[in-house]
Amino acid sequence: MRDDAVLCAPTDRVVDVLETIQRTPYTFALVTDGGGMLLGRVRARRARDLDASVADVMELDPSTVRPHRSAGGLAEQLAERDLNWAIVTTPDGRLLGVAWREDLERAAT
């Protein structure tokens, strides 16, 4: 699991978040509150209103997985859905990181 995902707050401006996303391998930013709780996700390709706040464009309640999942099982599930990563949280919604499929596949072998 990686801890380098782009993070932002609901009050951040979309234009600033998109600039940050462009400097990373990610195509999204994760929206968290001050305590690390996952609130939503901003996908770069869907954020059109650059002057808006993140709260205005974020997707609420993105799909997440728990850290107890096996690397092989999660990699297989991501491959079946043609996804490259999964957002990992605790059961109460605290963000832990992002699991990349290629990392999971390496760990499973």
N, C-alpha and C. Protein backbone atom coordinates (compact mmCIF):
# COMPACT_ATOMS: atom_id res chain seq x y z
N MET A 1 0.84 -1.18 0.00
CA MET A 1 0.00 0.00 0.00
C MET A 1 0.89 1.24 0.00
N ARG A 2 0.49 2.20 -0.80
CA ARG A 2 1.25 3.45 -0.91
C ARG A 2 0.55 4.56 -0.11
N ASP A 3 1.37 5.46 0.39
CA ASP A 3 0.82 6.59 1.14
C ASP A 3 1.10 7.92 0.45
N ASP A 4 1.29 7.88 -0.87
CA ASP A 4 1.65 9.08 -1.62
C ASP A 4 0.51 9.64 -2.47
N ALA A 5 -0.70 9.22 -2.21
CA ALA A 5 -1.84 9.72 -2.98
C ALA A 5 -1.99 11.22 -2.77
N VAL A 6 -2.55 11.88 -3.77
CA VAL A 6 -2.84 13.31 -3.67
C VAL A 6 -4.00 13.49 -2.71
N LEU A 7 -3.79 14.32 -1.70
CA LEU A 7 -4.84 14.60 -0.71
C LEU A 7 -5.25 16.06 -0.83
N CYS A 8 -6.50 16.30 -0.55
CA CYS A 8 -6.99 17.68 -0.55
C CYS A 8 -8.14 17.80 0.43
N ALA A 9 -8.51 19.04 0.69
CA ALA A 9 -9.62 19.34 1.59
C ALA A 9 -10.82 19.80 0.77
N PRO A 10 -12.01 19.70 1.30
CA PRO A 10 -13.20 20.14 0.57
C PRO A 10 -13.15 21.62 0.19
N THR A 11 -12.42 22.41 0.94
CA THR A 11 -12.35 23.85 0.67
C THR A 11 -11.28 24.23 -0.34
N ASP A 12 -10.44 23.29 -0.76
CA ASP A 12 -9.40 23.58 -1.74
C ASP A 12 -10.04 23.91 -3.09
N ARG A 13 -9.32 24.68 -3.88
CA ARG A 13 -9.79 25.02 -5.24
C ARG A 13 -9.42 23.91 -6.21
N VAL A 14 -10.32 23.62 -7.11
CA VAL A 14 -10.12 22.56 -8.09
C VAL A 14 -8.86 22.81 -8.91
N VAL A 15 -8.63 24.03 -9.34
CA VAL A 15 -7.46 24.33 -10.17
C VAL A 15 -6.16 23.95 -9.46
N ASP A 16 -6.08 24.20 -8.17
CA ASP A 16 -4.87 23.87 -7.41
C ASP A 16 -4.70 22.36 -7.27
N VAL A 17 -5.79 21.66 -7.06
CA VAL A 17 -5.73 20.20 -6.92
C VAL A 17 -5.33 19.56 -8.25
N LEU A 18 -5.88 20.04 -9.35
CA LEU A 18 -5.52 19.49 -10.67
C LEU A 18 -4.04 19.70 -10.98
N GLU A 19 -3.50 20.83 -10.60
CA GLU A 19 -2.07 21.08 -10.80
C GLU A 19 -1.23 20.07 -10.02
N THR A 20 -1.65 19.76 -8.82
CA THR A 20 -0.93 18.77 -8.01
C THR A 20 -1.05 17.38 -8.62
N ILE A 21 -2.24 17.01 -9.05
CA ILE A 21 -2.45 15.69 -9.65
C ILE A 21 -1.53 15.50 -10.86
N GLN A 22 -1.37 16.53 -11.66
CA GLN A 22 -0.56 16.43 -12.88
C GLN A 22 0.90 16.10 -12.59
N ARG A 23 1.36 16.35 -11.38
CA ARG A 23 2.75 16.07 -11.03
C ARG A 23 2.92 14.67 -10.40
N THR A 24 1.90 13.85 -10.46
CA THR A 24 1.93 12.54 -9.82
C THR A 24 1.50 11.46 -10.81
N PRO A 25 1.65 10.19 -10.44
CA PRO A 25 1.15 9.12 -11.30
C PRO A 25 -0.36 8.89 -11.15
N TYR A 26 -1.00 9.64 -10.28
CA TYR A 26 -2.43 9.46 -10.02
C TYR A 26 -3.28 10.29 -10.97
N THR A 27 -4.51 9.86 -11.17
CA THR A 27 -5.48 10.60 -11.98
C THR A 27 -6.60 11.16 -11.12
N PHE A 28 -6.39 11.16 -9.82
CA PHE A 28 -7.41 11.60 -8.88
C PHE A 28 -6.75 12.14 -7.62
N ALA A 29 -7.56 12.81 -6.83
CA ALA A 29 -7.15 13.25 -5.49
C ALA A 29 -8.19 12.73 -4.51
N LEU A 30 -7.74 12.41 -3.31
CA LEU A 30 -8.64 11.95 -2.26
C LEU A 30 -8.94 13.11 -1.32
N VAL A 31 -10.19 13.29 -1.04
CA VAL A 31 -10.65 14.38 -0.19
C VAL A 31 -10.79 13.86 1.23
N THR A 32 -10.08 14.49 2.14
CA THR A 32 -10.12 14.08 3.54
C THR A 32 -10.44 15.27 4.44
N ASP A 33 -10.91 14.95 5.64
CA ASP A 33 -11.11 16.02 6.62
C ASP A 33 -9.83 16.16 7.43
N GLY A 34 -9.82 17.05 8.39
CA GLY A 34 -8.61 17.30 9.18
C GLY A 34 -8.13 16.10 9.97
N GLY A 35 -8.99 15.12 10.20
CA GLY A 35 -8.62 13.93 10.96
C GLY A 35 -8.28 12.73 10.13
N GLY A 36 -8.20 12.90 8.82
CA GLY A 36 -7.83 11.79 7.94
C GLY A 36 -8.98 10.92 7.48
N MET A 37 -10.22 11.35 7.73
CA MET A 37 -11.38 10.58 7.27
C MET A 37 -11.60 10.85 5.78
N LEU A 38 -11.81 9.79 5.03
CA LEU A 38 -12.06 9.92 3.59
C LEU A 38 -13.46 10.45 3.36
N LEU A 39 -13.55 11.55 2.64
CA LEU A 39 -14.84 12.17 2.33
C LEU A 39 -15.27 11.95 0.88
N GLY A 40 -14.29 11.84 -0.01
CA GLY A 40 -14.62 11.69 -1.42
C GLY A 40 -13.40 11.63 -2.30
N ARG A 41 -13.65 11.76 -3.60
CA ARG A 41 -12.57 11.69 -4.59
C ARG A 41 -12.85 12.71 -5.68
N VAL A 42 -11.78 13.31 -6.19
CA VAL A 42 -11.87 14.21 -7.34
C VAL A 42 -11.10 13.55 -8.47
N ARG A 43 -11.78 13.24 -9.55
CA ARG A 43 -11.14 12.67 -10.73
C ARG A 43 -10.74 13.80 -11.65
N ALA A 44 -9.51 13.80 -12.08
CA ALA A 44 -9.00 14.89 -12.91
C ALA A 44 -9.81 15.07 -14.18
N ARG A 45 -10.19 13.99 -14.80
CA ARG A 45 -10.90 14.10 -16.09
C ARG A 45 -12.33 14.63 -15.95
N ARG A 46 -12.88 14.60 -14.75
CA ARG A 46 -14.26 15.06 -14.55
C ARG A 46 -14.35 16.44 -13.90
N ALA A 47 -13.26 16.97 -13.45
CA ALA A 47 -13.26 18.27 -12.77
C ALA A 47 -13.15 19.38 -13.81
N ARG A 48 -14.25 19.90 -14.24
CA ARG A 48 -14.28 20.89 -15.31
C ARG A 48 -14.24 22.34 -14.80
N ASP A 49 -14.90 22.61 -13.71
CA ASP A 49 -15.00 23.99 -13.20
C ASP A 49 -13.79 24.30 -12.33
N LEU A 50 -12.79 24.91 -12.94
CA LEU A 50 -11.52 25.15 -12.27
C LEU A 50 -11.63 26.11 -11.09
N ASP A 51 -12.60 26.99 -11.12
CA ASP A 51 -12.76 27.95 -10.03
C ASP A 51 -13.59 27.41 -8.88
N ALA A 52 -14.16 26.24 -9.03
CA ALA A 52 -15.00 25.66 -7.99
C ALA A 52 -14.16 25.16 -6.82
N SER A 53 -14.82 24.92 -5.72
CA SER A 53 -14.15 24.27 -4.60
C SER A 53 -14.27 22.76 -4.80
N VAL A 54 -13.39 22.03 -4.17
CA VAL A 54 -13.40 20.57 -4.25
C VAL A 54 -14.75 20.03 -3.80
N ALA A 55 -15.34 20.61 -2.78
CA ALA A 55 -16.64 20.15 -2.28
C ALA A 55 -17.72 20.17 -3.36
N ASP A 56 -17.58 21.09 -4.32
CA ASP A 56 -18.58 21.20 -5.38
C ASP A 56 -18.45 20.14 -6.46
N VAL A 57 -17.30 19.51 -6.59
CA VAL A 57 -17.08 18.56 -7.70
C VAL A 57 -16.73 17.15 -7.25
N MET A 58 -16.50 16.94 -5.97
CA MET A 58 -16.03 15.62 -5.53
C MET A 58 -17.13 14.57 -5.59
N GLU A 59 -16.70 13.34 -5.82
CA GLU A 59 -17.58 12.17 -5.76
C GLU A 59 -17.62 11.73 -4.30
N LEU A 60 -18.79 11.60 -3.74
CA LEU A 60 -18.92 11.17 -2.35
C LEU A 60 -18.79 9.65 -2.25
N ASP A 61 -18.25 9.21 -1.12
CA ASP A 61 -18.18 7.79 -0.79
C ASP A 61 -17.61 6.89 -1.89
N PRO A 62 -16.37 7.13 -2.31
CA PRO A 62 -15.79 6.22 -3.32
C PRO A 62 -15.62 4.82 -2.73
N SER A 63 -15.58 3.84 -3.60
CA SER A 63 -15.38 2.46 -3.16
C SER A 63 -14.04 2.32 -2.47
N THR A 64 -14.03 1.55 -1.40
CA THR A 64 -12.81 1.31 -0.64
C THR A 64 -12.68 -0.16 -0.29
N VAL A 65 -11.49 -0.54 0.15
CA VAL A 65 -11.23 -1.89 0.65
C VAL A 65 -10.57 -1.77 2.01
N ARG A 66 -10.56 -2.86 2.75
CA ARG A 66 -9.93 -2.90 4.07
C ARG A 66 -8.53 -3.50 3.96
N PRO A 67 -7.65 -3.16 4.88
CA PRO A 67 -6.26 -3.60 4.79
C PRO A 67 -6.04 -5.09 5.01
N HIS A 68 -7.03 -5.81 5.49
CA HIS A 68 -6.85 -7.24 5.74
C HIS A 68 -6.95 -8.09 4.48
N ARG A 69 -7.33 -7.50 3.36
CA ARG A 69 -7.46 -8.25 2.11
C ARG A 69 -6.11 -8.80 1.67
N SER A 70 -6.13 -10.00 1.12
CA SER A 70 -4.88 -10.59 0.62
C SER A 70 -4.46 -9.87 -0.65
N ALA A 71 -3.16 -9.78 -0.86
CA ALA A 71 -2.63 -9.11 -2.05
C ALA A 71 -3.13 -9.79 -3.32
N GLY A 72 -3.06 -11.10 -3.36
CA GLY A 72 -3.48 -11.84 -4.55
C GLY A 72 -4.97 -11.69 -4.83
N GLY A 73 -5.78 -11.78 -3.79
CA GLY A 73 -7.22 -11.65 -3.97
C GLY A 73 -7.63 -10.27 -4.45
N LEU A 74 -7.01 -9.26 -3.88
CA LEU A 74 -7.33 -7.89 -4.28
C LEU A 74 -6.83 -7.62 -5.70
N ALA A 75 -5.63 -8.10 -6.02
CA ALA A 75 -5.09 -7.92 -7.38
C ALA A 75 -6.02 -8.56 -8.40
N GLU A 76 -6.52 -9.74 -8.08
CA GLU A 76 -7.43 -10.45 -8.99
C GLU A 76 -8.73 -9.67 -9.17
N GLN A 77 -9.27 -9.15 -8.08
CA GLN A 77 -10.51 -8.37 -8.16
C GLN A 77 -10.31 -7.10 -9.00
N LEU A 78 -9.19 -6.42 -8.81
CA LEU A 78 -8.90 -5.22 -9.59
C LEU A 78 -8.75 -5.56 -11.07
N ALA A 79 -8.07 -6.66 -11.37
CA ALA A 79 -7.88 -7.07 -12.76
C ALA A 79 -9.22 -7.39 -13.42
N GLU A 80 -10.10 -8.08 -12.70
CA GLU A 80 -11.42 -8.42 -13.24
C GLU A 80 -12.22 -7.17 -13.60
N ARG A 81 -12.01 -6.11 -12.84
CA ARG A 81 -12.75 -4.86 -13.07
C ARG A 81 -11.96 -3.86 -13.90
N ASP A 82 -10.80 -4.28 -14.38
CA ASP A 82 -9.90 -3.44 -15.17
C ASP A 82 -9.56 -2.14 -14.44
N LEU A 83 -9.24 -2.28 -13.15
CA LEU A 83 -8.84 -1.14 -12.31
C LEU A 83 -7.37 -1.27 -11.96
N ASN A 84 -6.72 -0.14 -11.74
CA ASN A 84 -5.29 -0.14 -11.41
C ASN A 84 -5.01 0.04 -9.93
N TRP A 85 -5.98 0.53 -9.16
CA TRP A 85 -5.73 0.77 -7.74
C TRP A 85 -7.00 0.67 -6.93
N ALA A 86 -6.82 0.55 -5.63
CA ALA A 86 -7.93 0.52 -4.68
C ALA A 86 -7.59 1.45 -3.52
N ILE A 87 -8.58 2.16 -3.05
CA ILE A 87 -8.42 3.04 -1.89
C ILE A 87 -8.60 2.19 -0.64
N VAL A 88 -7.64 2.28 0.27
CA VAL A 88 -7.66 1.46 1.48
C VAL A 88 -8.01 2.34 2.68
N THR A 89 -9.03 1.92 3.43
CA THR A 89 -9.44 2.64 4.63
C THR A 89 -9.67 1.67 5.77
N THR A 90 -9.76 2.23 6.95
CA THR A 90 -10.18 1.45 8.12
C THR A 90 -11.70 1.28 8.03
N PRO A 91 -12.29 0.39 8.83
CA PRO A 91 -13.74 0.22 8.79
C PRO A 91 -14.52 1.51 9.08
N ASP A 92 -13.93 2.42 9.86
CA ASP A 92 -14.64 3.66 10.16
C ASP A 92 -14.37 4.76 9.13
N GLY A 93 -13.60 4.47 8.07
CA GLY A 93 -13.41 5.41 6.98
C GLY A 93 -12.14 6.24 7.01
N ARG A 94 -11.22 5.93 7.90
CA ARG A 94 -9.96 6.66 7.94
C ARG A 94 -9.06 6.16 6.81
N LEU A 95 -8.56 7.09 6.01
CA LEU A 95 -7.72 6.75 4.86
C LEU A 95 -6.38 6.19 5.32
N LEU A 96 -6.00 5.04 4.73
CA LEU A 96 -4.70 4.44 5.01
C LEU A 96 -3.75 4.59 3.83
N GLY A 97 -4.29 4.53 2.62
CA GLY A 97 -3.44 4.65 1.44
C GLY A 97 -4.12 4.10 0.21
N VAL A 98 -3.31 3.87 -0.81
CA VAL A 98 -3.80 3.35 -2.09
C VAL A 98 -2.99 2.10 -2.44
N ALA A 99 -3.70 1.03 -2.78
CA ALA A 99 -3.05 -0.21 -3.20
C ALA A 99 -3.05 -0.25 -4.73
N TRP A 100 -1.86 -0.33 -5.31
CA TRP A 100 -1.73 -0.42 -6.77
C TRP A 100 -1.74 -1.88 -7.18
N ARG A 101 -2.46 -2.19 -8.26
CA ARG A 101 -2.57 -3.57 -8.72
C ARG A 101 -1.20 -4.18 -9.01
N GLU A 102 -0.32 -3.44 -9.67
CA GLU A 102 1.00 -4.02 -10.00
C GLU A 102 1.80 -4.34 -8.75
N ASP A 103 1.68 -3.53 -7.70
CA ASP A 103 2.35 -3.83 -6.43
C ASP A 103 1.76 -5.08 -5.80
N LEU A 104 0.44 -5.20 -5.86
CA LEU A 104 -0.23 -6.37 -5.28
C LEU A 104 0.14 -7.64 -6.02
N GLU A 105 0.22 -7.56 -7.35
CA GLU A 105 0.60 -8.73 -8.14
C GLU A 105 2.02 -9.18 -7.81
N ARG A 106 2.94 -8.23 -7.63
CA ARG A 106 4.31 -8.57 -7.25
C ARG A 106 4.34 -9.21 -5.86
N ALA A 107 3.58 -8.67 -4.94
CA ALA A 107 3.57 -9.19 -3.57
C ALA A 107 2.96 -10.59 -3.51
N ALA A 108 2.05 -10.88 -4.41
CA ALA A 108 1.35 -12.16 -4.39
C ALA A 108 2.17 -13.30 -4.99
N THR A 109 3.26 -12.97 -5.70
CA THR A 109 4.03 -14.05 -6.35
C THR A 109 5.17 -14.51 -5.46
